[in-house]
Amino acid sequence: MKGEALFREHGRQVAALCWRHSPKHTSQLEILLVTSLNSKRWILPKGWLEPDLTPADNAAREAFEEAGVTGKVSPQPIGAYHYLKEKKDGGVPCSVEVFVLAVTKQLDDWPDKSARELVWVPVEQAAAQISEPGLREILRDFRKQQMPTKARRAAG
């Protein structure tokens, strides 16, 4: 597709889909969202690739820097989405690969703590708060993959 090539030519980023089992309801998954720096919309921790790290390690680095979490990151992305990164001189088309990060630790302090808000929410609520349609679909697919077989059949 012509539009796909446009995104590949401009910006390539990685995101961390940080998840945990809810402390209150261990059968419920929660997703970590952070606010973007400028528009303050809810997003996954994400950023530009650093050349000395793998894409998966870059995603884990973003999770640490933007949300203060660490854990086990998947070596392969679970999907990708596209968005227009707003800049002062216009927008930059970006393609974002999403890596799953099972959170094992949430730190008390991290680099972006004073610049961002963060929230843990159920997967469906996270999907509703995200503005990028492609990322909403990735979140819903992730939820389906994580559901036990019996619950998956009941959910349809």
N, C-alpha and C. Protein backbone atom coordinates (compact mmCIF):
# COMPACT_ATOMS: atom_id res chain seq x y z
N MET A 1 0.83 -1.18 0.00
CA MET A 1 0.00 0.00 0.00
C MET A 1 0.87 1.25 0.00
N LYS A 2 0.45 2.24 -0.70
CA LYS A 2 1.20 3.48 -0.81
C LYS A 2 1.38 4.15 0.56
N GLY A 3 0.34 4.22 1.35
CA GLY A 3 0.42 4.84 2.67
C GLY A 3 1.38 4.13 3.61
N GLU A 4 1.45 2.80 3.53
CA GLU A 4 2.36 2.04 4.36
C GLU A 4 3.80 2.45 4.09
N ALA A 5 4.17 2.64 2.82
CA ALA A 5 5.53 3.04 2.47
C ALA A 5 5.86 4.41 3.07
N LEU A 6 4.90 5.32 3.08
CA LEU A 6 5.11 6.64 3.64
C LEU A 6 5.51 6.53 5.11
N PHE A 7 4.83 5.66 5.87
CA PHE A 7 5.15 5.51 7.28
C PHE A 7 6.53 4.91 7.46
N ARG A 8 6.90 3.94 6.62
CA ARG A 8 8.20 3.30 6.74
C ARG A 8 9.33 4.29 6.45
N GLU A 9 9.10 5.22 5.54
CA GLU A 9 10.15 6.15 5.15
C GLU A 9 10.44 7.19 6.22
N HIS A 10 9.53 7.47 7.11
CA HIS A 10 9.73 8.57 8.04
C HIS A 10 10.20 8.11 9.42
N GLY A 11 9.31 7.69 10.26
CA GLY A 11 9.70 7.39 11.62
C GLY A 11 9.42 5.97 12.02
N ARG A 12 10.36 5.36 12.70
CA ARG A 12 10.17 4.02 13.24
C ARG A 12 10.38 4.09 14.74
N GLN A 13 9.35 3.69 15.48
CA GLN A 13 9.41 3.69 16.92
C GLN A 13 9.05 2.31 17.47
N VAL A 14 9.29 2.13 18.76
CA VAL A 14 8.86 0.91 19.46
C VAL A 14 8.06 1.32 20.68
N ALA A 15 7.13 0.46 21.07
CA ALA A 15 6.31 0.70 22.26
C ALA A 15 6.33 -0.55 23.13
N ALA A 16 6.10 -0.34 24.42
CA ALA A 16 6.01 -1.44 25.38
C ALA A 16 4.57 -1.56 25.86
N LEU A 17 3.96 -2.71 25.60
CA LEU A 17 2.64 -3.01 26.15
C LEU A 17 2.91 -3.64 27.51
N CYS A 18 2.92 -2.81 28.54
CA CYS A 18 3.24 -3.25 29.90
C CYS A 18 1.98 -3.78 30.57
N TRP A 19 2.06 -4.99 31.11
CA TRP A 19 0.88 -5.59 31.71
C TRP A 19 1.23 -6.28 33.03
N ARG A 20 0.19 -6.46 33.82
CA ARG A 20 0.30 -7.21 35.08
C ARG A 20 -1.07 -7.78 35.41
N HIS A 21 -1.10 -8.71 36.37
CA HIS A 21 -2.37 -9.17 36.92
C HIS A 21 -2.77 -8.14 37.98
N SER A 22 -4.04 -7.78 38.00
CA SER A 22 -4.54 -6.79 38.95
C SER A 22 -4.26 -7.26 40.38
N PRO A 23 -3.76 -6.35 41.23
CA PRO A 23 -3.53 -6.73 42.63
C PRO A 23 -4.83 -7.10 43.35
N LYS A 24 -5.97 -6.55 42.89
CA LYS A 24 -7.26 -6.81 43.53
C LYS A 24 -7.96 -8.04 42.97
N HIS A 25 -7.83 -8.25 41.66
CA HIS A 25 -8.49 -9.37 40.97
C HIS A 25 -7.44 -10.05 40.10
N THR A 26 -6.78 -11.07 40.64
CA THR A 26 -5.64 -11.66 39.92
C THR A 26 -6.01 -12.26 38.58
N SER A 27 -7.30 -12.51 38.33
CA SER A 27 -7.69 -13.02 37.03
C SER A 27 -7.82 -11.90 35.99
N GLN A 28 -7.76 -10.65 36.44
CA GLN A 28 -7.92 -9.51 35.53
C GLN A 28 -6.56 -8.94 35.16
N LEU A 29 -6.36 -8.73 33.85
CA LEU A 29 -5.13 -8.11 33.37
C LEU A 29 -5.28 -6.60 33.38
N GLU A 30 -4.19 -5.92 33.69
CA GLU A 30 -4.17 -4.48 33.63
C GLU A 30 -3.04 -4.03 32.70
N ILE A 31 -3.27 -2.93 32.02
CA ILE A 31 -2.31 -2.33 31.09
C ILE A 31 -1.87 -1.00 31.67
N LEU A 32 -0.60 -0.70 31.53
CA LEU A 32 -0.05 0.57 31.99
C LEU A 32 -0.09 1.60 30.86
N LEU A 33 -0.74 2.72 31.14
CA LEU A 33 -0.76 3.84 30.20
C LEU A 33 -0.03 5.01 30.82
N VAL A 34 0.62 5.81 29.96
CA VAL A 34 1.28 7.03 30.40
C VAL A 34 0.77 8.18 29.54
N THR A 35 0.92 9.39 30.03
CA THR A 35 0.51 10.53 29.22
C THR A 35 1.67 10.93 28.31
N SER A 36 1.31 11.38 27.11
CA SER A 36 2.32 11.91 26.19
C SER A 36 2.81 13.25 26.76
N LEU A 37 3.99 13.65 26.33
CA LEU A 37 4.58 14.86 26.90
C LEU A 37 3.82 16.13 26.53
N ASN A 38 3.39 16.25 25.28
CA ASN A 38 2.78 17.50 24.84
C ASN A 38 1.25 17.51 24.91
N SER A 39 0.62 16.55 24.26
CA SER A 39 -0.85 16.58 24.20
C SER A 39 -1.51 15.98 25.43
N LYS A 40 -0.73 15.27 26.26
CA LYS A 40 -1.22 14.64 27.49
C LYS A 40 -2.27 13.56 27.23
N ARG A 41 -2.30 13.01 26.00
CA ARG A 41 -3.22 11.91 25.74
C ARG A 41 -2.59 10.62 26.29
N TRP A 42 -3.43 9.60 26.52
CA TRP A 42 -2.95 8.33 27.07
C TRP A 42 -2.32 7.50 25.95
N ILE A 43 -1.12 6.99 26.22
CA ILE A 43 -0.35 6.19 25.26
C ILE A 43 0.37 5.07 25.99
N LEU A 44 0.94 4.15 25.22
CA LEU A 44 1.89 3.20 25.77
C LEU A 44 3.26 3.88 25.81
N PRO A 45 4.14 3.47 26.73
CA PRO A 45 5.50 3.99 26.68
C PRO A 45 6.10 3.65 25.31
N LYS A 46 6.64 4.66 24.62
CA LYS A 46 7.20 4.42 23.30
C LYS A 46 8.24 5.48 22.97
N GLY A 47 9.03 5.17 21.96
CA GLY A 47 10.05 6.13 21.56
C GLY A 47 10.86 5.66 20.37
N TRP A 48 11.83 6.48 20.03
CA TRP A 48 12.70 6.21 18.89
C TRP A 48 13.71 5.13 19.23
N LEU A 49 14.16 4.42 18.21
CA LEU A 49 15.14 3.35 18.38
C LEU A 49 16.53 3.91 18.64
N GLU A 50 17.20 3.34 19.63
CA GLU A 50 18.61 3.62 19.87
C GLU A 50 19.39 2.52 19.13
N PRO A 51 20.38 2.88 18.33
CA PRO A 51 21.05 1.90 17.47
C PRO A 51 21.79 0.78 18.20
N ASP A 52 22.19 0.99 19.45
CA ASP A 52 22.96 -0.03 20.17
C ASP A 52 22.10 -1.06 20.88
N LEU A 53 20.77 -0.96 20.76
CA LEU A 53 19.85 -1.91 21.41
C LEU A 53 18.96 -2.59 20.38
N THR A 54 18.50 -3.80 20.72
CA THR A 54 17.51 -4.47 19.87
C THR A 54 16.19 -3.72 19.99
N PRO A 55 15.28 -3.90 19.04
CA PRO A 55 13.96 -3.26 19.19
C PRO A 55 13.27 -3.63 20.51
N ALA A 56 13.34 -4.90 20.92
CA ALA A 56 12.72 -5.32 22.18
C ALA A 56 13.36 -4.60 23.37
N ASP A 57 14.68 -4.52 23.39
CA ASP A 57 15.37 -3.84 24.48
C ASP A 57 15.08 -2.35 24.47
N ASN A 58 14.90 -1.76 23.30
CA ASN A 58 14.50 -0.36 23.20
C ASN A 58 13.13 -0.16 23.85
N ALA A 59 12.19 -1.07 23.59
CA ALA A 59 10.85 -0.97 24.18
C ALA A 59 10.94 -1.06 25.70
N ALA A 60 11.76 -1.98 26.20
CA ALA A 60 11.94 -2.11 27.65
C ALA A 60 12.56 -0.84 28.23
N ARG A 61 13.49 -0.22 27.52
CA ARG A 61 14.11 1.02 27.96
C ARG A 61 13.07 2.14 28.06
N GLU A 62 12.18 2.21 27.06
CA GLU A 62 11.12 3.22 27.09
C GLU A 62 10.20 3.01 28.29
N ALA A 63 9.87 1.76 28.60
CA ALA A 63 9.01 1.46 29.75
C ALA A 63 9.67 1.93 31.04
N PHE A 64 10.97 1.71 31.16
CA PHE A 64 11.68 2.17 32.35
C PHE A 64 11.72 3.70 32.41
N GLU A 65 12.12 4.35 31.31
CA GLU A 65 12.27 5.80 31.31
C GLU A 65 10.95 6.54 31.51
N GLU A 66 9.88 6.08 30.85
CA GLU A 66 8.62 6.80 30.87
C GLU A 66 7.68 6.38 31.99
N ALA A 67 7.83 5.16 32.50
CA ALA A 67 6.88 4.66 33.50
C ALA A 67 7.52 4.02 34.72
N GLY A 68 8.83 3.85 34.72
CA GLY A 68 9.49 3.28 35.89
C GLY A 68 9.19 1.83 36.14
N VAL A 69 8.96 1.06 35.07
CA VAL A 69 8.69 -0.37 35.23
C VAL A 69 9.77 -1.19 34.53
N THR A 70 10.00 -2.38 35.07
CA THR A 70 10.91 -3.34 34.46
C THR A 70 10.20 -4.68 34.43
N GLY A 71 10.73 -5.59 33.61
CA GLY A 71 10.12 -6.91 33.52
C GLY A 71 10.68 -7.69 32.36
N LYS A 72 9.94 -8.72 31.97
CA LYS A 72 10.34 -9.60 30.88
C LYS A 72 9.69 -9.12 29.59
N VAL A 73 10.52 -8.77 28.60
CA VAL A 73 10.01 -8.26 27.33
C VAL A 73 10.05 -9.37 26.29
N SER A 74 9.02 -9.43 25.45
CA SER A 74 8.97 -10.41 24.37
C SER A 74 10.01 -10.04 23.32
N PRO A 75 10.70 -11.03 22.75
CA PRO A 75 11.73 -10.72 21.75
C PRO A 75 11.15 -10.27 20.40
N GLN A 76 9.91 -10.64 20.13
CA GLN A 76 9.27 -10.29 18.86
C GLN A 76 8.07 -9.38 19.12
N PRO A 77 7.78 -8.47 18.20
CA PRO A 77 6.61 -7.61 18.39
C PRO A 77 5.31 -8.40 18.22
N ILE A 78 4.26 -7.94 18.91
CA ILE A 78 2.95 -8.59 18.74
C ILE A 78 2.12 -7.89 17.69
N GLY A 79 2.63 -6.78 17.19
CA GLY A 79 1.92 -6.04 16.16
C GLY A 79 2.57 -4.70 15.93
N ALA A 80 1.98 -3.95 15.01
CA ALA A 80 2.47 -2.61 14.70
C ALA A 80 1.28 -1.73 14.35
N TYR A 81 1.43 -0.44 14.59
CA TYR A 81 0.39 0.52 14.22
C TYR A 81 1.07 1.77 13.67
N HIS A 82 0.27 2.62 13.09
CA HIS A 82 0.79 3.85 12.49
C HIS A 82 0.08 5.05 13.11
N TYR A 83 0.80 6.14 13.23
CA TYR A 83 0.19 7.38 13.72
C TYR A 83 0.99 8.56 13.19
N LEU A 84 0.44 9.73 13.33
CA LEU A 84 1.10 10.95 12.90
C LEU A 84 1.60 11.67 14.14
N LYS A 85 2.94 11.69 14.31
CA LYS A 85 3.54 12.38 15.45
C LYS A 85 3.53 13.87 15.17
N GLU A 86 2.87 14.60 16.04
CA GLU A 86 2.72 16.03 15.82
C GLU A 86 4.00 16.76 16.23
N LYS A 87 4.46 17.62 15.33
CA LYS A 87 5.64 18.45 15.56
C LYS A 87 5.25 19.90 15.29
N LYS A 88 6.07 20.84 15.73
CA LYS A 88 5.79 22.26 15.51
C LYS A 88 5.68 22.59 14.03
N ASP A 89 6.49 21.95 13.21
CA ASP A 89 6.50 22.24 11.77
C ASP A 89 5.68 21.23 10.97
N GLY A 90 4.70 20.58 11.60
CA GLY A 90 3.85 19.61 10.91
C GLY A 90 3.93 18.25 11.57
N GLY A 91 3.40 17.25 10.89
CA GLY A 91 3.39 15.91 11.44
C GLY A 91 4.42 15.01 10.79
N VAL A 92 4.89 14.02 11.55
CA VAL A 92 5.82 13.02 11.05
C VAL A 92 5.13 11.67 11.11
N PRO A 93 4.90 11.03 9.94
CA PRO A 93 4.29 9.70 9.96
C PRO A 93 5.23 8.70 10.64
N CYS A 94 4.69 7.93 11.57
CA CYS A 94 5.49 6.95 12.30
C CYS A 94 4.84 5.57 12.27
N SER A 95 5.70 4.57 12.21
CA SER A 95 5.29 3.17 12.36
C SER A 95 5.84 2.72 13.71
N VAL A 96 4.99 2.07 14.52
CA VAL A 96 5.38 1.67 15.87
C VAL A 96 5.21 0.16 16.03
N GLU A 97 6.30 -0.54 16.35
CA GLU A 97 6.23 -1.96 16.69
C GLU A 97 5.97 -2.07 18.18
N VAL A 98 5.05 -2.95 18.57
CA VAL A 98 4.65 -3.09 19.97
C VAL A 98 5.19 -4.41 20.53
N PHE A 99 5.90 -4.29 21.65
CA PHE A 99 6.47 -5.45 22.34
C PHE A 99 5.78 -5.61 23.70
N VAL A 100 5.44 -6.84 24.04
CA VAL A 100 4.80 -7.12 25.33
C VAL A 100 5.86 -7.13 26.43
N LEU A 101 5.56 -6.46 27.53
CA LEU A 101 6.47 -6.47 28.68
C LEU A 101 5.66 -6.88 29.92
N ALA A 102 5.97 -8.07 30.44
CA ALA A 102 5.33 -8.55 31.68
C ALA A 102 6.04 -7.87 32.84
N VAL A 103 5.36 -6.96 33.50
CA VAL A 103 5.98 -6.14 34.54
C VAL A 103 6.23 -6.97 35.79
N THR A 104 7.47 -6.90 36.28
CA THR A 104 7.83 -7.58 37.52
C THR A 104 8.18 -6.60 38.63
N LYS A 105 8.46 -5.33 38.26
CA LYS A 105 8.83 -4.34 39.27
C LYS A 105 8.41 -2.95 38.83
N GLN A 106 7.84 -2.20 39.77
CA GLN A 106 7.51 -0.80 39.53
C GLN A 106 8.35 0.02 40.51
N LEU A 107 9.19 0.88 39.96
CA LEU A 107 10.12 1.65 40.77
C LEU A 107 9.46 2.88 41.38
N ASP A 108 10.06 3.39 42.44
CA ASP A 108 9.55 4.60 43.09
C ASP A 108 10.00 5.85 42.36
N ASP A 109 11.09 5.76 41.61
CA ASP A 109 11.61 6.92 40.91
C ASP A 109 12.11 6.48 39.53
N TRP A 110 11.96 7.36 38.53
CA TRP A 110 12.40 7.06 37.16
C TRP A 110 12.56 8.38 36.41
N PRO A 111 13.24 8.35 35.25
CA PRO A 111 13.58 9.60 34.55
C PRO A 111 12.41 10.53 34.24
N ASP A 112 11.28 10.05 33.75
CA ASP A 112 10.17 10.91 33.34
C ASP A 112 9.08 11.08 34.40
N LYS A 113 9.36 10.72 35.64
CA LYS A 113 8.32 10.72 36.68
C LYS A 113 7.60 12.06 36.79
N SER A 114 8.33 13.16 36.76
CA SER A 114 7.69 14.47 36.95
C SER A 114 7.02 14.98 35.68
N ALA A 115 7.27 14.35 34.53
CA ALA A 115 6.74 14.84 33.25
C ALA A 115 5.49 14.11 32.78
N ARG A 116 5.18 12.96 33.38
CA ARG A 116 4.07 12.14 32.90
C ARG A 116 3.21 11.63 34.05
N GLU A 117 1.96 11.37 33.73
CA GLU A 117 1.09 10.64 34.65
C GLU A 117 1.06 9.20 34.18
N LEU A 118 0.77 8.28 35.08
CA LEU A 118 0.59 6.89 34.67
C LEU A 118 -0.59 6.29 35.40
N VAL A 119 -1.18 5.29 34.76
CA VAL A 119 -2.36 4.63 35.33
C VAL A 119 -2.39 3.18 34.87
N TRP A 120 -2.79 2.28 35.79
CA TRP A 120 -3.04 0.88 35.45
C TRP A 120 -4.54 0.72 35.26
N VAL A 121 -4.95 0.19 34.11
CA VAL A 121 -6.38 0.02 33.82
C VAL A 121 -6.62 -1.33 33.16
N PRO A 122 -7.85 -1.87 33.27
CA PRO A 122 -8.18 -3.10 32.56
C PRO A 122 -7.96 -2.92 31.05
N VAL A 123 -7.73 -4.00 30.35
CA VAL A 123 -7.39 -3.94 28.92
C VAL A 123 -8.44 -3.19 28.11
N GLU A 124 -9.72 -3.49 28.33
CA GLU A 124 -10.77 -2.82 27.55
C GLU A 124 -10.79 -1.32 27.81
N GLN A 125 -10.56 -0.93 29.05
CA GLN A 125 -10.51 0.50 29.36
C GLN A 125 -9.30 1.15 28.69
N ALA A 126 -8.17 0.45 28.68
CA ALA A 126 -6.98 0.98 28.00
C ALA A 126 -7.28 1.19 26.52
N ALA A 127 -7.93 0.21 25.90
CA ALA A 127 -8.26 0.32 24.48
C ALA A 127 -9.18 1.51 24.23
N ALA A 128 -10.10 1.77 25.15
CA ALA A 128 -11.03 2.89 25.00
C ALA A 128 -10.33 4.24 25.16
N GLN A 129 -9.26 4.29 25.95
CA GLN A 129 -8.57 5.55 26.21
C GLN A 129 -7.49 5.87 25.17
N ILE A 130 -7.13 4.91 24.35
CA ILE A 130 -6.10 5.10 23.32
C ILE A 130 -6.76 5.68 22.08
N SER A 131 -6.11 6.64 21.44
CA SER A 131 -6.72 7.27 20.26
C SER A 131 -6.35 6.60 18.94
N GLU A 132 -5.27 5.82 18.89
CA GLU A 132 -4.85 5.19 17.63
C GLU A 132 -5.62 3.88 17.40
N PRO A 133 -6.42 3.81 16.32
CA PRO A 133 -7.22 2.60 16.05
C PRO A 133 -6.39 1.32 15.96
N GLY A 134 -5.23 1.39 15.34
CA GLY A 134 -4.38 0.20 15.21
C GLY A 134 -3.90 -0.31 16.54
N LEU A 135 -3.60 0.58 17.46
CA LEU A 135 -3.17 0.18 18.80
C LEU A 135 -4.33 -0.38 19.60
N ARG A 136 -5.53 0.18 19.43
CA ARG A 136 -6.71 -0.38 20.12
C ARG A 136 -6.90 -1.84 19.71
N GLU A 137 -6.73 -2.13 18.42
CA GLU A 137 -6.88 -3.50 17.93
C GLU A 137 -5.81 -4.42 18.53
N ILE A 138 -4.59 -3.95 18.63
CA ILE A 138 -3.51 -4.75 19.24
C ILE A 138 -3.85 -5.06 20.70
N LEU A 139 -4.37 -4.10 21.43
CA LEU A 139 -4.75 -4.33 22.83
C LEU A 139 -5.86 -5.36 22.94
N ARG A 140 -6.85 -5.27 22.09
CA ARG A 140 -7.96 -6.24 22.13
C ARG A 140 -7.47 -7.64 21.75
N ASP A 141 -6.59 -7.73 20.77
CA ASP A 141 -6.02 -9.02 20.40
C ASP A 141 -5.20 -9.61 21.55
N PHE A 142 -4.45 -8.76 22.23
CA PHE A 142 -3.66 -9.20 23.37
C PHE A 142 -4.57 -9.78 24.45
N ARG A 143 -5.67 -9.09 24.73
CA ARG A 143 -6.63 -9.57 25.73
C ARG A 143 -7.16 -10.95 25.37
N LYS A 144 -7.53 -11.12 24.10
CA LYS A 144 -8.05 -12.42 23.65
C LYS A 144 -7.01 -13.51 23.82
N GLN A 145 -5.75 -13.20 23.51
CA GLN A 145 -4.67 -14.20 23.62
C GLN A 145 -4.43 -14.59 25.07
N GLN A 146 -4.66 -13.67 26.00
CA GLN A 146 -4.38 -13.93 27.42
C GLN A 146 -5.53 -14.58 28.17
N MET A 147 -6.73 -14.55 27.57
CA MET A 147 -7.90 -15.13 28.25
C MET A 147 -7.79 -16.66 28.30
N PRO A 148 -8.19 -17.27 29.41
CA PRO A 148 -8.25 -18.74 29.46
C PRO A 148 -9.22 -19.24 28.39
N THR A 149 -8.99 -20.44 27.90
CA THR A 149 -9.79 -21.01 26.81
C THR A 149 -11.28 -20.98 27.10
N LYS A 150 -11.70 -21.37 28.31
CA LYS A 150 -13.11 -21.41 28.67
C LYS A 150 -13.72 -20.00 28.58
N ALA A 151 -13.05 -19.00 29.11
CA ALA A 151 -13.55 -17.61 29.07
C ALA A 151 -13.57 -17.09 27.64
N ARG A 152 -12.58 -17.50 26.83
CA ARG A 152 -12.52 -17.04 25.44
C ARG A 152 -13.74 -17.55 24.67
N ARG A 153 -14.15 -18.80 24.91
CA ARG A 153 -15.33 -19.35 24.23
C ARG A 153 -16.58 -18.58 24.65
N ALA A 154 -16.69 -18.27 25.95
CA ALA A 154 -17.86 -17.56 26.46
C ALA A 154 -17.94 -16.13 25.92
N ALA A 155 -16.76 -15.50 25.72
CA ALA A 155 -16.72 -14.12 25.23
C ALA A 155 -17.04 -14.04 23.74
N GLY A 156 -16.91 -15.16 23.06
CA GLY A 156 -17.26 -15.20 21.64
C GLY A 156 -16.15 -14.79 20.80
